[in-house]
């Protein structure tokens, strides 16, 4: 299992993968979670609220980014 989470002042990313295949990612432009799994596998769904959690994580990430930038000055 693999997870990517990060942010910048203007962008962000949250994604989960399994065996090198993307299983879920947060689409912050369309404000929803996306499960881009092929039709030939048993579909794996993430818990309800996963997108909202990703949005909250982005806010925390941006706040931490601001604090880190201030501390570096």
N, C-alpha and C. Protein backbone atom coordinates (compact mmCIF):
# COMPACT_ATOMS: atom_id res chain seq x y z
N UNK A 1 0.84 -1.17 0.00
CA UNK A 1 0.00 0.00 0.00
C UNK A 1 0.88 1.22 0.00
N UNK A 2 0.45 2.26 -0.69
CA UNK A 2 1.25 3.46 -0.88
C UNK A 2 0.33 4.67 -0.78
N UNK A 3 0.80 5.72 -0.14
CA UNK A 3 -0.01 6.94 0.01
C UNK A 3 0.85 8.14 -0.30
N UNK A 4 0.28 9.07 -1.05
CA UNK A 4 0.94 10.34 -1.32
C UNK A 4 0.02 11.44 -0.79
N UNK A 5 0.58 12.36 -0.04
CA UNK A 5 -0.17 13.51 0.44
C UNK A 5 0.78 14.69 0.49
N UNK A 6 0.36 15.80 -0.03
CA UNK A 6 1.20 16.98 -0.01
C UNK A 6 0.44 18.21 -0.48
N UNK A 7 1.09 19.36 -0.34
CA UNK A 7 0.43 20.60 -0.73
C UNK A 7 1.46 21.65 -1.08
N UNK A 8 0.97 22.70 -1.72
CA UNK A 8 1.73 23.91 -1.96
C UNK A 8 0.78 25.06 -1.66
N UNK A 9 1.21 26.28 -1.92
CA UNK A 9 0.31 27.41 -1.69
C UNK A 9 -0.94 27.35 -2.56
N UNK A 10 -0.83 26.73 -3.74
CA UNK A 10 -1.94 26.76 -4.69
C UNK A 10 -2.46 25.39 -5.12
N UNK A 11 -1.84 24.32 -4.67
CA UNK A 11 -2.23 23.00 -5.16
C UNK A 11 -2.08 21.97 -4.06
N UNK A 12 -2.64 20.78 -4.28
CA UNK A 12 -2.51 19.71 -3.31
C UNK A 12 -2.73 18.36 -3.94
N UNK A 13 -2.37 17.32 -3.19
CA UNK A 13 -2.49 15.96 -3.70
C UNK A 13 -2.75 15.01 -2.53
N UNK A 14 -3.67 14.08 -2.73
CA UNK A 14 -3.84 12.96 -1.82
C UNK A 14 -4.25 11.78 -2.68
N UNK A 15 -3.47 10.68 -2.57
CA UNK A 15 -3.69 9.53 -3.43
C UNK A 15 -3.29 8.27 -2.69
N UNK A 16 -4.04 7.21 -2.93
CA UNK A 16 -3.73 5.89 -2.39
C UNK A 16 -3.52 4.93 -3.55
N UNK A 17 -2.53 4.05 -3.42
CA UNK A 17 -2.23 3.07 -4.47
C UNK A 17 -1.96 1.71 -3.82
N UNK A 18 -2.10 0.67 -4.62
CA UNK A 18 -1.83 -0.69 -4.18
C UNK A 18 -1.14 -1.42 -5.31
N UNK A 19 0.00 -2.00 -5.03
CA UNK A 19 0.78 -2.72 -6.05
C UNK A 19 1.04 -1.87 -7.29
N UNK A 20 1.34 -0.60 -7.08
CA UNK A 20 1.67 0.30 -8.18
C UNK A 20 0.47 0.82 -8.96
N UNK A 21 -0.74 0.48 -8.53
CA UNK A 21 -1.95 0.94 -9.23
C UNK A 21 -2.70 1.94 -8.36
N UNK A 22 -3.09 3.03 -8.96
CA UNK A 22 -3.84 4.06 -8.26
C UNK A 22 -5.23 3.52 -7.90
N UNK A 23 -5.59 3.60 -6.61
CA UNK A 23 -6.88 3.08 -6.15
C UNK A 23 -7.88 4.21 -5.85
N UNK A 24 -7.36 5.34 -5.38
CA UNK A 24 -8.23 6.47 -5.01
C UNK A 24 -7.40 7.73 -5.02
N UNK A 25 -8.00 8.83 -5.48
CA UNK A 25 -7.35 10.13 -5.34
C UNK A 25 -8.39 11.21 -5.16
N UNK A 26 -7.98 12.28 -4.52
CA UNK A 26 -8.85 13.43 -4.29
C UNK A 26 -8.75 14.35 -5.50
N UNK A 27 -9.88 14.62 -6.12
CA UNK A 27 -9.95 15.57 -7.23
C UNK A 27 -10.42 16.89 -6.62
N UNK A 28 -9.45 17.75 -6.27
CA UNK A 28 -9.79 19.00 -5.59
C UNK A 28 -10.46 20.00 -6.51
N UNK A 29 -10.31 19.87 -7.81
CA UNK A 29 -10.97 20.77 -8.76
C UNK A 29 -12.46 20.48 -8.80
N UNK A 30 -12.83 19.20 -8.92
CA UNK A 30 -14.25 18.81 -8.99
C UNK A 30 -14.84 18.45 -7.64
N UNK A 31 -14.03 18.58 -6.59
CA UNK A 31 -14.46 18.37 -5.21
C UNK A 31 -15.10 17.00 -4.98
N UNK A 32 -14.32 15.94 -5.33
CA UNK A 32 -14.82 14.59 -5.09
C UNK A 32 -13.64 13.61 -5.06
N UNK A 33 -13.90 12.45 -4.50
CA UNK A 33 -12.93 11.37 -4.53
C UNK A 33 -13.15 10.55 -5.79
N UNK A 34 -12.06 10.09 -6.40
CA UNK A 34 -12.15 9.32 -7.64
C UNK A 34 -11.51 7.96 -7.40
N UNK A 35 -12.20 6.91 -7.86
CA UNK A 35 -11.71 5.53 -7.74
C UNK A 35 -11.47 5.00 -9.16
N UNK A 36 -10.29 5.26 -9.74
CA UNK A 36 -10.03 4.91 -11.15
C UNK A 36 -9.60 3.45 -11.34
N UNK A 37 -10.43 2.54 -10.90
CA UNK A 37 -10.08 1.13 -10.96
C UNK A 37 -10.63 0.50 -12.24
N UNK A 38 -9.89 -0.42 -12.83
CA UNK A 38 -10.38 -1.06 -14.06
C UNK A 38 -11.61 -1.92 -13.80
N UNK A 39 -12.41 -2.10 -14.81
CA UNK A 39 -13.67 -2.84 -14.67
C UNK A 39 -13.48 -4.33 -14.41
N UNK A 40 -12.30 -4.87 -14.70
CA UNK A 40 -12.11 -6.32 -14.57
C UNK A 40 -11.70 -6.76 -13.16
N UNK A 41 -11.62 -5.84 -12.21
CA UNK A 41 -11.31 -6.23 -10.83
C UNK A 41 -12.51 -5.99 -9.94
N UNK A 42 -12.53 -6.65 -8.78
CA UNK A 42 -13.56 -6.35 -7.79
C UNK A 42 -13.29 -4.95 -7.28
N UNK A 43 -14.31 -4.11 -7.38
CA UNK A 43 -14.16 -2.70 -7.02
C UNK A 43 -13.90 -2.56 -5.52
N UNK A 44 -12.91 -1.73 -5.18
CA UNK A 44 -12.57 -1.43 -3.79
C UNK A 44 -13.00 0.01 -3.54
N UNK A 45 -13.89 0.20 -2.56
CA UNK A 45 -14.35 1.55 -2.23
C UNK A 45 -13.71 2.01 -0.93
N UNK A 46 -13.47 3.29 -0.86
CA UNK A 46 -12.95 3.89 0.37
C UNK A 46 -14.12 4.37 1.21
N UNK A 47 -13.87 4.52 2.49
CA UNK A 47 -14.94 4.88 3.42
C UNK A 47 -15.55 6.23 3.07
N UNK A 48 -16.80 6.35 3.41
CA UNK A 48 -17.50 7.62 3.22
C UNK A 48 -16.78 8.69 4.03
N UNK A 49 -16.60 9.85 3.43
CA UNK A 49 -15.91 10.93 4.10
C UNK A 49 -14.43 11.02 3.74
N UNK A 50 -13.95 10.12 2.87
CA UNK A 50 -12.53 10.13 2.50
C UNK A 50 -12.16 11.45 1.83
N UNK A 51 -13.04 11.97 0.96
CA UNK A 51 -12.72 13.24 0.29
C UNK A 51 -12.70 14.39 1.30
N UNK A 52 -13.67 14.43 2.18
CA UNK A 52 -13.71 15.49 3.19
C UNK A 52 -12.47 15.44 4.08
N UNK A 53 -12.01 14.24 4.39
CA UNK A 53 -10.78 14.08 5.16
C UNK A 53 -9.58 14.63 4.38
N UNK A 54 -9.56 14.37 3.08
CA UNK A 54 -8.47 14.88 2.23
C UNK A 54 -8.47 16.41 2.21
N UNK A 55 -9.66 17.02 2.15
CA UNK A 55 -9.74 18.48 2.19
C UNK A 55 -9.21 19.02 3.51
N UNK A 56 -9.60 18.40 4.61
CA UNK A 56 -9.13 18.83 5.93
C UNK A 56 -7.61 18.68 6.03
N UNK A 57 -7.07 17.58 5.50
CA UNK A 57 -5.62 17.37 5.51
C UNK A 57 -4.91 18.46 4.72
N UNK A 58 -5.53 18.93 3.64
CA UNK A 58 -4.92 20.00 2.84
C UNK A 58 -4.83 21.30 3.64
N UNK A 59 -5.86 21.60 4.41
CA UNK A 59 -5.84 22.81 5.24
C UNK A 59 -4.73 22.72 6.29
N UNK A 60 -4.59 21.56 6.90
CA UNK A 60 -3.53 21.36 7.89
C UNK A 60 -2.16 21.47 7.23
N UNK A 61 -2.03 20.87 6.05
CA UNK A 61 -0.76 20.91 5.32
C UNK A 61 -0.38 22.35 4.98
N UNK A 62 -1.34 23.14 4.51
CA UNK A 62 -1.05 24.53 4.15
C UNK A 62 -0.68 25.36 5.39
N UNK A 63 -1.34 25.09 6.50
CA UNK A 63 -1.00 25.79 7.73
C UNK A 63 0.42 25.43 8.17
N UNK A 64 0.76 24.14 8.10
CA UNK A 64 2.12 23.71 8.45
C UNK A 64 3.15 24.30 7.49
N UNK A 65 2.79 24.41 6.22
CA UNK A 65 3.69 25.01 5.23
C UNK A 65 3.97 26.47 5.59
N UNK A 66 2.94 27.22 5.97
CA UNK A 66 3.12 28.62 6.38
C UNK A 66 4.01 28.73 7.62
N UNK A 67 3.77 27.85 8.59
CA UNK A 67 4.58 27.88 9.82
C UNK A 67 6.04 27.55 9.51
N UNK A 68 6.27 26.56 8.64
CA UNK A 68 7.63 26.18 8.28
C UNK A 68 8.35 27.31 7.54
N UNK A 69 7.64 27.98 6.64
CA UNK A 69 8.23 29.09 5.90
C UNK A 69 8.60 30.23 6.85
N UNK A 70 7.73 30.49 7.81
CA UNK A 70 8.01 31.54 8.78
C UNK A 70 9.21 31.18 9.66
N UNK A 71 9.29 29.92 10.06
CA UNK A 71 10.40 29.47 10.91
C UNK A 71 11.74 29.52 10.16
N UNK A 72 11.70 29.30 8.85
CA UNK A 72 12.93 29.29 8.05
C UNK A 72 13.50 30.70 7.82
N UNK A 73 12.66 31.71 7.99
CA UNK A 73 13.13 33.09 7.75
C UNK A 73 14.00 33.59 8.83
